[in-house]
Amino acid sequence: MPLDINVKEYEEYLIKMGLEKDKYTYMELLAVATAREMPDEAFAFVGTGLPLLAAMLAQHTHAPNMTIILEAGTVGPKIEHIPVSVADPRACYQASTLSTLVDAFGTLAARGYCTLGVLGAAECDKYGNLNSTAIGSYWPKGVSETGRGPDVRFTGSGGANSIASLADKIIAMMVHEKRRLPEKVQYLTTPAGMRGPKGETRFDYGLFRGGDLVVVTDLCKMKPDPETGILYLDEIYPGIDPEFVKQNTGFDLDISRCRVMEPPTEEELMILRMKVDPERIYLGRKPKRKE
């Protein structure tokens, strides 16, 4: 049993939560898929929710020496109870440093200590560039050349641009919909990929590190081709048809290289359920996709 998990307690937990030992839920699958992309000894900027679920799972399995960094300034915690925000005191347990947002980005990321970042976005184009700013015109109606303001205004970059600009590897998480995966993002918030159209590569923007990217969706994982930089289908989840993934992608997705991801192991599920999020604060969430 991993981490001294009591067999009887685990069986009672499964009954109480209506779960099965050899079956997994939507959020458990996404947490495992994301965790497997987190290397040991990484300095990982992660947010709350799924990124933190994955990071805690990775620490308990293959990445015990990964250093978690939260944007609020917490560095190196060994989290025992999952926090609900980056400033939650529960995220501070056994941390090596409790500081500020300024230190997280200025002292750590800007000095090269951000090796991994986990980001979300509203749009991701075929090169892995992200939009979390606006759909439609960026400028307000009064100063827009079109006379219209944005159709939708999102939260903006936050720390996403800084993390993707400075990190060696980015894990971008998306709901897999055609409208969210266009040929080109309507607004470039975050250059997460290595390449892009002529004049829009990382190097054109003066970003000389990073570019290692994996896009984790609720259907699959996509990675950039090393030659073209265009995303291709790398792994599909068990039971997912590659053609269905292609039909729900807004660019011509190469599915010829895809393989089926190994399903979550019994050990991974036990750790998620008994150690990471036993109250199922996040694991209990339902999928957004309507099949």
C-alpha atoms as a PDB file:
ATOM      1  CA  MET A   1       0.000   0.000   0.000  1.00  0.00           C
ATOM      2  CA  PRO A   2       1.387   3.470  -0.883  1.00  0.00           C
ATOM      3  CA  LEU A   3       2.114   5.912   1.929  1.00  0.00           C
ATOM      4  CA  ASP A   4       0.824   3.515   4.595  1.00  0.00           C
ATOM      5  CA  ILE A   5      -2.765   3.767   3.374  1.00  0.00           C
ATOM      6  CA  ASN A   6      -4.925   1.429   5.442  1.00  0.00           C
ATOM      7  CA  VAL A   7      -6.718  -1.139   3.255  1.00  0.00           C
ATOM      8  CA  LYS A   8      -9.853  -1.249   5.383  1.00  0.00           C
ATOM      9  CA  GLU A   9     -10.078   2.544   5.597  1.00  0.00           C
ATOM     10  CA  TYR A  10      -9.697   2.777   1.839  1.00  0.00           C
ATOM     11  CA  GLU A  11     -12.480   0.260   1.241  1.00  0.00           C
ATOM     12  CA  GLU A  12     -14.761   2.175   3.627  1.00  0.00           C
ATOM     13  CA  TYR A  13     -13.886   5.414   1.819  1.00  0.00           C
ATOM     14  CA  LEU A  14     -14.846   3.905  -1.558  1.00  0.00           C
ATOM     15  CA  ILE A  15     -18.237   2.851  -0.223  1.00  0.00           C
ATOM     16  CA  LYS A  16     -18.863   6.221   1.420  1.00  0.00           C
ATOM     17  CA  MET A  17     -17.986   8.190  -1.734  1.00  0.00           C
ATOM     18  CA  GLY A  18     -19.648   5.797  -4.177  1.00  0.00           C
ATOM     19  CA  LEU A  19     -16.366   5.004  -5.935  1.00  0.00           C
ATOM     20  CA  GLU A  20     -14.804   1.834  -7.284  1.00  0.00           C
ATOM     21  CA  LYS A  21     -11.230   0.635  -6.844  1.00  0.00           C
ATOM     22  CA  ASP A  22     -10.579   0.012 -10.545  1.00  0.00           C
ATOM     23  CA  LYS A  23     -12.639   2.881 -12.029  1.00  0.00           C
ATOM     24  CA  TYR A  24     -11.749   6.559 -12.167  1.00  0.00           C
ATOM     25  CA  THR A  25     -13.632   9.812 -12.572  1.00  0.00           C
ATOM     26  CA  TYR A  26     -13.116  12.642 -15.031  1.00  0.00           C
ATOM     27  CA  MET A  27     -11.130  14.812 -12.597  1.00  0.00           C
ATOM     28  CA  GLU A  28      -9.025  11.873 -11.408  1.00  0.00           C
ATOM     29  CA  LEU A  29      -8.041  11.146 -15.012  1.00  0.00           C
ATOM     30  CA  LEU A  30      -7.065  14.782 -15.657  1.00  0.00           C
ATOM     31  CA  ALA A  31      -5.065  14.970 -12.420  1.00  0.00           C
ATOM     32  CA  VAL A  32      -3.114  11.842 -13.340  1.00  0.00           C
ATOM     33  CA  ALA A  33      -2.551  12.990 -16.942  1.00  0.00           C
ATOM     34  CA  THR A  34      -1.186  16.334 -15.726  1.00  0.00           C
ATOM     35  CA  ALA A  35       0.905  14.856 -12.895  1.00  0.00           C
ATOM     36  CA  ARG A  36       2.709  12.503 -15.271  1.00  0.00           C
ATOM     37  CA  GLU A  37       4.023  15.537 -17.184  1.00  0.00           C
ATOM     38  CA  MET A  38       5.664  17.011 -14.061  1.00  0.00           C
ATOM     39  CA  PRO A  39       9.339  16.016 -13.793  1.00  0.00           C
ATOM     40  CA  ASP A  40      11.179  15.410 -10.546  1.00  0.00           C
ATOM     41  CA  GLU A  41      13.363  18.279  -9.273  1.00  0.00           C
ATOM     42  CA  ALA A  42      11.291  20.849 -11.182  1.00  0.00           C
ATOM     43  CA  PHE A  43      10.624  24.320  -9.771  1.00  0.00           C
ATOM     44  CA  ALA A  44       6.927  24.389 -10.617  1.00  0.00           C
ATOM     45  CA  PHE A  45       4.630  27.417 -10.604  1.00  0.00           C
ATOM     46  CA  VAL A  46       1.162  25.937 -10.018  1.00  0.00           C
ATOM     47  CA  GLY A  47      -2.249  27.358  -9.242  1.00  0.00           C
ATOM     48  CA  THR A  48      -5.071  25.949  -7.155  1.00  0.00           C
ATOM     49  CA  GLY A  49      -7.497  23.347  -8.417  1.00  0.00           C
ATOM     50  CA  LEU A  50      -6.339  20.757 -10.932  1.00  0.00           C
ATOM     51  CA  PRO A  51      -2.718  22.051 -11.157  1.00  0.00           C
ATOM     52  CA  LEU A  52      -2.252  21.643  -7.407  1.00  0.00           C
ATOM     53  CA  LEU A  53      -3.991  18.258  -7.378  1.00  0.00           C
ATOM     54  CA  ALA A  54      -1.526  17.112 -10.025  1.00  0.00           C
ATOM     55  CA  ALA A  55       1.487  18.613  -8.264  1.00  0.00           C
ATOM     56  CA  MET A  56       0.630  16.952  -4.957  1.00  0.00           C
ATOM     57  CA  LEU A  57       0.127  13.610  -6.718  1.00  0.00           C
ATOM     58  CA  ALA A  58       3.462  13.988  -8.512  1.00  0.00           C
ATOM     59  CA  GLN A  59       5.219  14.718  -5.202  1.00  0.00           C
ATOM     60  CA  HIS A  60       3.740  11.570  -3.665  1.00  0.00           C
ATOM     61  CA  THR A  61       4.777   9.384  -6.624  1.00  0.00           C
ATOM     62  CA  HIS A  62       7.539  10.028  -9.162  1.00  0.00           C
ATOM     63  CA  ALA A  63       8.563  13.614  -8.264  1.00  0.00           C
ATOM     64  CA  PRO A  64       9.313  13.775  -4.520  1.00  0.00           C
ATOM     65  CA  ASN A  65      11.933  16.482  -5.072  1.00  0.00           C
ATOM     66  CA  MET A  66       9.728  18.839  -7.060  1.00  0.00           C
ATOM     67  CA  THR A  67       9.509  22.324  -5.524  1.00  0.00           C
ATOM     68  CA  ILE A  68       6.012  23.816  -5.641  1.00  0.00           C
ATOM     69  CA  ILE A  69       5.862  27.595  -6.041  1.00  0.00           C
ATOM     70  CA  LEU A  70       2.616  29.524  -5.578  1.00  0.00           C
ATOM     71  CA  GLU A  71       2.196  32.987  -7.065  1.00  0.00           C
ATOM     72  CA  ALA A  72       1.472  34.517  -3.661  1.00  0.00           C
ATOM     73  CA  GLY A  73       5.090  33.792  -2.681  1.00  0.00           C
ATOM     74  CA  THR A  74       4.999  30.365  -1.010  1.00  0.00           C
ATOM     75  CA  VAL A  75       7.986  28.227  -2.003  1.00  0.00           C
ATOM     76  CA  GLY A  76       8.577  24.532  -1.330  1.00  0.00           C
ATOM     77  CA  PRO A  77       5.561  23.482   0.770  1.00  0.00           C
ATOM     78  CA  LYS A  78       4.713  19.876   1.604  1.00  0.00           C
ATOM     79  CA  ILE A  79       0.958  20.289   1.461  1.00  0.00           C
ATOM     80  CA  GLU A  80      -1.147  18.047   3.697  1.00  0.00           C
ATOM     81  CA  HIS A  81      -4.602  19.534   3.044  1.00  0.00           C
ATOM     82  CA  ILE A  82      -5.450  20.953  -0.356  1.00  0.00           C
ATOM     83  CA  PRO A  83      -5.744  24.778  -0.375  1.00  0.00           C
ATOM     84  CA  VAL A  84      -8.574  26.675  -2.071  1.00  0.00           C
ATOM     85  CA  SER A  85      -6.443  29.653  -3.144  1.00  0.00           C
ATOM     86  CA  VAL A  86      -2.764  30.512  -3.685  1.00  0.00           C
ATOM     87  CA  ALA A  87      -2.861  32.562  -0.460  1.00  0.00           C
ATOM     88  CA  ASP A  88      -4.539  29.870   1.653  1.00  0.00           C
ATOM     89  CA  PRO A  89      -2.465  29.268   4.831  1.00  0.00           C
ATOM     90  CA  ARG A  90      -2.817  25.510   4.250  1.00  0.00           C
ATOM     91  CA  ALA A  91      -0.448  25.961   1.309  1.00  0.00           C
ATOM     92  CA  CYS A  92       2.311  27.078   3.669  1.00  0.00           C
ATOM     93  CA  TYR A  93       2.909  23.826   5.560  1.00  0.00           C
ATOM     94  CA  GLN A  94       6.661  23.084   5.778  1.00  0.00           C
ATOM     95  CA  ALA A  95       7.393  25.732   3.121  1.00  0.00           C
ATOM     96  CA  SER A  96      10.995  26.850   2.813  1.00  0.00           C
ATOM     97  CA  THR A  97       9.951  30.448   2.096  1.00  0.00           C
ATOM     98  CA  LEU A  98       6.865  32.559   2.777  1.00  0.00           C
ATOM     99  CA  SER A  99       7.217  35.736   0.786  1.00  0.00           C
ATOM    100  CA  THR A 100       5.302  37.854  -1.744  1.00  0.00           C
ATOM    101  CA  LEU A 101       4.165  37.877  -5.336  1.00  0.00           C
ATOM    102  CA  VAL A 102       7.042  40.244  -6.117  1.00  0.00           C
ATOM    103  CA  ASP A 103       9.554  37.669  -4.893  1.00  0.00           C
ATOM    104  CA  ALA A 104       7.811  34.803  -6.686  1.00  0.00           C
ATOM    105  CA  PHE A 105       8.229  36.499 -10.048  1.00  0.00           C
ATOM    106  CA  GLY A 106      11.152  38.857  -9.472  1.00  0.00           C
ATOM    107  CA  THR A 107      13.451  36.809  -7.260  1.00  0.00           C
ATOM    108  CA  LEU A 108      12.583  33.342  -8.593  1.00  0.00           C
ATOM    109  CA  ALA A 109      11.104  33.392 -12.110  1.00  0.00           C
ATOM    110  CA  ALA A 110      13.138  36.300 -13.471  1.00  0.00           C
ATOM    111  CA  ARG A 111      16.358  34.721 -12.162  1.00  0.00           C
ATOM    112  CA  GLY A 112      15.697  31.482 -14.026  1.00  0.00           C
ATOM    113  CA  TYR A 113      14.252  29.298 -11.274  1.00  0.00           C
ATOM    114  CA  CYS A 114      10.929  28.655 -12.993  1.00  0.00           C
ATOM    115  CA  THR A 115      11.397  25.357 -14.819  1.00  0.00           C
ATOM    116  CA  LEU A 116       7.717  24.383 -15.050  1.00  0.00           C
ATOM    117  CA  GLY A 117       4.478  26.335 -15.239  1.00  0.00           C
ATOM    118  CA  VAL A 118       0.885  25.111 -15.352  1.00  0.00           C
ATOM    119  CA  LEU A 119      -1.523  27.484 -17.127  1.00  0.00           C
ATOM    120  CA  GLY A 120      -5.092  27.656 -18.348  1.00  0.00           C
ATOM    121  CA  ALA A 121      -6.550  29.798 -21.141  1.00  0.00           C
ATOM    122  CA  ALA A 122      -9.665  30.522 -23.172  1.00  0.00           C
ATOM    123  CA  GLU A 123      -7.931  29.847 -26.508  1.00  0.00           C
ATOM    124  CA  CYS A 124      -4.889  27.871 -27.650  1.00  0.00           C
ATOM    125  CA  ASP A 125      -3.801  28.065 -31.283  1.00  0.00           C
ATOM    126  CA  LYS A 126      -2.004  25.444 -33.346  1.00  0.00           C
ATOM    127  CA  TYR A 127       1.390  26.672 -32.118  1.00  0.00           C
ATOM    128  CA  GLY A 128       0.407  26.521 -28.463  1.00  0.00           C
ATOM    129  CA  ASN A 129       0.031  30.275 -28.007  1.00  0.00           C
ATOM    130  CA  LEU A 130      -2.599  31.187 -25.418  1.00  0.00           C
ATOM    131  CA  ASN A 131      -5.310  33.809 -25.111  1.00  0.00           C
ATOM    132  CA  SER A 132      -6.755  34.672 -21.711  1.00  0.00           C
ATOM    133  CA  THR A 133      -7.506  38.338 -22.490  1.00  0.00           C
ATOM    134  CA  ALA A 134     -10.365  38.941 -24.942  1.00  0.00           C
ATOM    135  CA  ILE A 135     -12.485  37.577 -27.795  1.00  0.00           C
ATOM    136  CA  GLY A 136     -13.255  40.131 -30.465  1.00  0.00           C
ATOM    137  CA  SER A 137     -11.781  43.629 -30.464  1.00  0.00           C
ATOM    138  CA  TYR A 138      -9.266  44.226 -27.679  1.00  0.00           C
ATOM    139  CA  TRP A 139      -9.942  47.973 -27.391  1.00  0.00           C
ATOM    140  CA  PRO A 140     -13.067  49.428 -25.727  1.00  0.00           C
ATOM    141  CA  LYS A 141     -15.815  50.622 -28.051  1.00  0.00           C
ATOM    142  CA  GLY A 142     -14.919  54.301 -27.712  1.00  0.00           C
ATOM    143  CA  VAL A 143     -11.398  53.890 -29.135  1.00  0.00           C
ATOM    144  CA  SER A 144     -11.778  50.742 -31.231  1.00  0.00           C
ATOM    145  CA  GLU A 145     -11.205  51.048 -34.988  1.00  0.00           C
ATOM    146  CA  THR A 146     -14.255  48.847 -35.556  1.00  0.00           C
ATOM    147  CA  GLY A 147     -16.516  50.840 -33.263  1.00  0.00           C
ATOM    148  CA  ARG A 148     -17.091  47.730 -31.172  1.00  0.00           C
ATOM    149  CA  GLY A 149     -15.593  46.603 -27.917  1.00  0.00           C
ATOM    150  CA  PRO A 150     -14.608  43.038 -27.117  1.00  0.00           C
ATOM    151  CA  ASP A 151     -17.297  40.362 -27.352  1.00  0.00           C
ATOM    152  CA  VAL A 152     -15.898  38.778 -24.181  1.00  0.00           C
ATOM    153  CA  ARG A 153     -13.293  40.134 -21.764  1.00  0.00           C
ATOM    154  CA  PHE A 154     -11.437  37.513 -19.729  1.00  0.00           C
ATOM    155  CA  THR A 155      -9.270  37.800 -16.635  1.00  0.00           C
ATOM    156  CA  GLY A 156      -6.111  38.679 -18.530  1.00  0.00           C
ATOM    157  CA  SER A 157      -2.593  37.419 -18.119  1.00  0.00           C
ATOM    158  CA  GLY A 158      -2.168  37.486 -14.361  1.00  0.00           C
ATOM    159  CA  GLY A 159       1.181  35.748 -14.072  1.00  0.00           C
ATOM    160  CA  ALA A 160       0.693  33.602 -17.188  1.00  0.00           C
ATOM    161  CA  ASN A 161       2.803  35.671 -19.579  1.00  0.00           C
ATOM    162  CA  SER A 162       5.672  35.931 -17.112  1.00  0.00           C
ATOM    163  CA  ILE A 163       5.617  32.210 -16.354  1.00  0.00           C
ATOM    164  CA  ALA A 164       5.459  31.077 -19.998  1.00  0.00           C
ATOM    165  CA  SER A 165       8.128  33.581 -21.009  1.00  0.00           C
ATOM    166  CA  LEU A 166      10.561  32.371 -18.367  1.00  0.00           C
ATOM    167  CA  ALA A 167       9.790  28.677 -17.779  1.00  0.00           C
ATOM    168  CA  ASP A 168      11.492  25.750 -19.507  1.00  0.00           C
ATOM    169  CA  LYS A 169       8.242  23.771 -19.812  1.00  0.00           C
ATOM    170  CA  ILE A 170       4.573  24.732 -19.860  1.00  0.00           C
ATOM    171  CA  ILE A 171       1.566  22.529 -19.238  1.00  0.00           C
ATOM    172  CA  ALA A 172      -1.487  24.270 -20.733  1.00  0.00           C
ATOM    173  CA  MET A 173      -4.907  22.957 -19.726  1.00  0.00           C
ATOM    174  CA  MET A 174      -8.006  23.387 -21.890  1.00  0.00           C
ATOM    175  CA  VAL A 175     -11.524  22.155 -22.451  1.00  0.00           C
ATOM    176  CA  HIS A 176     -11.279  20.540 -25.879  1.00  0.00           C
ATOM    177  CA  GLU A 177     -13.640  22.507 -28.143  1.00  0.00           C
ATOM    178  CA  LYS A 178     -13.184  23.688 -31.732  1.00  0.00           C
ATOM    179  CA  ARG A 179     -13.783  27.330 -30.751  1.00  0.00           C
ATOM    180  CA  ARG A 180     -11.059  27.123 -28.084  1.00  0.00           C
ATOM    181  CA  LEU A 181      -8.470  25.608 -30.431  1.00  0.00           C
ATOM    182  CA  PRO A 182      -8.363  27.919 -33.469  1.00  0.00           C
ATOM    183  CA  GLU A 183      -5.689  28.350 -36.141  1.00  0.00           C
ATOM    184  CA  LYS A 184      -4.689  31.630 -34.488  1.00  0.00           C
ATOM    185  CA  VAL A 185      -5.632  33.130 -31.145  1.00  0.00           C
ATOM    186  CA  GLN A 186      -7.642  36.346 -31.322  1.00  0.00           C
ATOM    187  CA  TYR A 187      -5.315  37.958 -28.793  1.00  0.00           C
ATOM    188  CA  LEU A 188      -1.836  36.714 -27.932  1.00  0.00           C
ATOM    189  CA  THR A 189      -1.643  36.818 -24.141  1.00  0.00           C
ATOM    190  CA  THR A 190       1.011  34.158 -23.660  1.00  0.00           C
ATOM    191  CA  PRO A 191       3.578  32.752 -26.135  1.00  0.00           C
ATOM    192  CA  ALA A 192       3.668  29.271 -24.622  1.00  0.00           C
ATOM    193  CA  GLY A 193       4.899  27.378 -27.690  1.00  0.00           C
ATOM    194  CA  MET A 194       8.286  27.392 -29.399  1.00  0.00           C
ATOM    195  CA  ARG A 195       7.329  28.566 -32.852  1.00  0.00           C
ATOM    196  CA  GLY A 196       4.604  30.449 -34.666  1.00  0.00           C
ATOM    197  CA  PRO A 197       3.954  32.213 -37.954  1.00  0.00           C
ATOM    198  CA  LYS A 198       6.868  34.132 -39.445  1.00  0.00           C
ATOM    199  CA  GLY A 199       7.727  36.977 -37.110  1.00  0.00           C
ATOM    200  CA  GLU A 200       5.831  35.458 -34.182  1.00  0.00           C
ATOM    201  CA  THR A 201       8.198  32.826 -32.773  1.00  0.00           C
ATOM    202  CA  ARG A 202       9.456  33.000 -29.195  1.00  0.00           C
ATOM    203  CA  PHE A 203      12.751  34.293 -30.565  1.00  0.00           C
ATOM    204  CA  ASP A 204      11.018  37.148 -32.404  1.00  0.00           C
ATOM    205  CA  TYR A 205       9.677  38.275 -29.056  1.00  0.00           C
ATOM    206  CA  GLY A 206      13.123  38.019 -27.467  1.00  0.00           C
ATOM    207  CA  LEU A 207      12.344  34.863 -25.477  1.00  0.00           C
ATOM    208  CA  PHE A 208      15.401  32.661 -25.719  1.00  0.00           C
ATOM    209  CA  ARG A 209      14.470  29.891 -23.264  1.00  0.00           C
ATOM    210  CA  GLY A 210      11.426  27.672 -22.909  1.00  0.00           C
ATOM    211  CA  GLY A 211       9.134  26.312 -25.572  1.00  0.00           C
ATOM    212  CA  ASP A 212       8.738  22.789 -24.182  1.00  0.00           C
ATOM    213  CA  LEU A 213       4.961  22.463 -24.124  1.00  0.00           C
ATOM    214  CA  VAL A 214       2.195  19.933 -23.558  1.00  0.00           C
ATOM    215  CA  VAL A 215      -1.475  20.839 -23.941  1.00  0.00           C
ATOM    216  CA  VAL A 216      -3.646  18.714 -21.657  1.00  0.00           C
ATOM    217  CA  THR A 217      -7.352  18.726 -22.533  1.00  0.00           C
ATOM    218  CA  ASP A 218     -10.345  16.717 -21.387  1.00  0.00           C
ATOM    219  CA  LEU A 219      -9.798  14.407 -24.393  1.00  0.00           C
ATOM    220  CA  CYS A 220      -6.068  14.124 -24.960  1.00  0.00           C
ATOM    221  CA  LYS A 221      -2.545  15.481 -24.777  1.00  0.00           C
ATOM    222  CA  MET A 222      -1.038  17.476 -27.648  1.00  0.00           C
ATOM    223  CA  LYS A 223       2.616  18.393 -28.123  1.00  0.00           C
ATOM    224  CA  PRO A 224       4.422  20.603 -30.674  1.00  0.00           C
ATOM    225  CA  ASP A 225       6.216  18.973 -33.579  1.00  0.00           C
ATOM    226  CA  PRO A 226       9.965  19.615 -33.082  1.00  0.00           C
ATOM    227  CA  GLU A 227      10.352  20.790 -36.689  1.00  0.00           C
ATOM    228  CA  THR A 228       7.222  22.869 -37.352  1.00  0.00           C
ATOM    229  CA  GLY A 229       6.137  23.748 -33.820  1.00  0.00           C
ATOM    230  CA  ILE A 230       2.551  22.809 -34.722  1.00  0.00           C
ATOM    231  CA  LEU A 231       0.625  20.757 -32.179  1.00  0.00           C
ATOM    232  CA  TYR A 232      -0.019  17.110 -32.950  1.00  0.00           C
ATOM    233  CA  LEU A 233      -2.060  14.492 -31.090  1.00  0.00           C
ATOM    234  CA  ASP A 234       0.347  12.703 -28.769  1.00  0.00           C
ATOM    235  CA  GLU A 235      -1.888  10.740 -26.389  1.00  0.00           C
ATOM    236  CA  ILE A 236      -5.608  10.085 -26.225  1.00  0.00           C
ATOM    237  CA  TYR A 237      -7.419   9.011 -23.095  1.00  0.00           C
ATOM    238  CA  PRO A 238      -8.814   5.480 -22.863  1.00  0.00           C
ATOM    239  CA  GLY A 239     -12.041   5.158 -24.849  1.00  0.00           C
ATOM    240  CA  ILE A 240     -11.551   8.348 -26.913  1.00  0.00           C
ATOM    241  CA  ASP A 241     -11.659   8.189 -30.725  1.00  0.00           C
ATOM    242  CA  PRO A 242      -8.827  10.156 -32.431  1.00  0.00           C
ATOM    243  CA  GLU A 243     -11.251  11.250 -35.169  1.00  0.00           C
ATOM    244  CA  PHE A 244     -13.523  12.768 -32.533  1.00  0.00           C
ATOM    245  CA  VAL A 245     -10.567  14.778 -31.220  1.00  0.00           C
ATOM    246  CA  LYS A 246      -9.760  15.975 -34.746  1.00  0.00           C
ATOM    247  CA  GLN A 247     -13.363  16.994 -35.408  1.00  0.00           C
ATOM    248  CA  ASN A 248     -13.344  19.106 -32.245  1.00  0.00           C
ATOM    249  CA  THR A 249     -10.117  20.937 -33.123  1.00  0.00           C
ATOM    250  CA  GLY A 250     -10.130  24.205 -35.079  1.00  0.00           C
ATOM    251  CA  PHE A 251      -6.991  23.420 -37.066  1.00  0.00           C
ATOM    252  CA  ASP A 252      -5.840  20.392 -39.064  1.00  0.00           C
ATOM    253  CA  LEU A 253      -4.642  18.186 -36.215  1.00  0.00           C
ATOM    254  CA  ASP A 254      -2.179  15.412 -37.052  1.00  0.00           C
ATOM    255  CA  ILE A 255      -3.518  12.255 -35.365  1.00  0.00           C
ATOM    256  CA  SER A 256      -1.168   9.779 -37.052  1.00  0.00           C
ATOM    257  CA  ARG A 257       1.244   9.576 -34.102  1.00  0.00           C
ATOM    258  CA  CYS A 258      -1.223   9.239 -31.262  1.00  0.00           C
ATOM    259  CA  ARG A 259      -1.126   6.491 -28.657  1.00  0.00           C
ATOM    260  CA  VAL A 260      -3.508   5.612 -25.847  1.00  0.00           C
ATOM    261  CA  MET A 261      -2.538   6.903 -22.420  1.00  0.00           C
ATOM    262  CA  GLU A 262      -2.084   4.297 -19.735  1.00  0.00           C
ATOM    263  CA  PRO A 263      -5.091   4.571 -17.399  1.00  0.00           C
ATOM    264  CA  PRO A 264      -4.594   5.693 -13.798  1.00  0.00           C
ATOM    265  CA  THR A 265      -3.009   3.026 -11.641  1.00  0.00           C
ATOM    266  CA  GLU A 266      -4.481   1.766  -8.402  1.00  0.00           C
ATOM    267  CA  GLU A 267      -1.685   3.517  -6.513  1.00  0.00           C
ATOM    268  CA  GLU A 268      -2.333   6.875  -8.220  1.00  0.00           C
ATOM    269  CA  LEU A 269      -6.050   6.655  -7.454  1.00  0.00           C
ATOM    270  CA  MET A 270      -5.465   5.729  -3.807  1.00  0.00           C
ATOM    271  CA  ILE A 271      -3.106   8.660  -3.302  1.00  0.00           C
ATOM    272  CA  LEU A 272      -5.492  11.106  -4.967  1.00  0.00           C
ATOM    273  CA  ARG A 273      -8.418   9.884  -2.915  1.00  0.00           C
ATOM    274  CA  MET A 274      -6.834   9.333   0.484  1.00  0.00           C
ATOM    275  CA  LYS A 275      -3.948  11.816   0.583  1.00  0.00           C
ATOM    276  CA  VAL A 276      -4.472  14.618  -1.934  1.00  0.00           C
ATOM    277  CA  ASP A 277      -8.188  15.475  -1.863  1.00  0.00           C
ATOM    278  CA  PRO A 278     -10.087  13.102   0.439  1.00  0.00           C
ATOM    279  CA  GLU A 279     -12.989  15.572   0.806  1.00  0.00           C
ATOM    280  CA  ARG A 280     -13.188  15.686  -3.029  1.00  0.00           C
ATOM    281  CA  ILE A 281     -13.238  19.476  -3.071  1.00  0.00           C
ATOM    282  CA  TYR A 282     -11.866  19.390  -6.614  1.00  0.00           C
ATOM    283  CA  LEU A 283     -12.027  15.693  -7.478  1.00  0.00           C
ATOM    284  CA  GLY A 284     -15.801  15.839  -7.125  1.00  0.00           C
ATOM    285  CA  ARG A 285     -16.249  18.319  -9.962  1.00  0.00           C
ATOM    286  CA  LYS A 286     -18.190  17.191 -13.025  1.00  0.00           C
ATOM    287  CA  PRO A 287     -17.007  17.497 -16.644  1.00  0.00           C
ATOM    288  CA  LYS A 288     -17.976  20.628 -18.557  1.00  0.00           C
ATOM    289  CA  ARG A 289     -18.331  18.694 -21.806  1.00  0.00           C
ATOM    290  CA  LYS A 290     -21.799  17.569 -22.786  1.00  0.00           C
ATOM    291  CA  GLU A 291     -21.572  14.447 -24.892  1.00  0.00           C
END
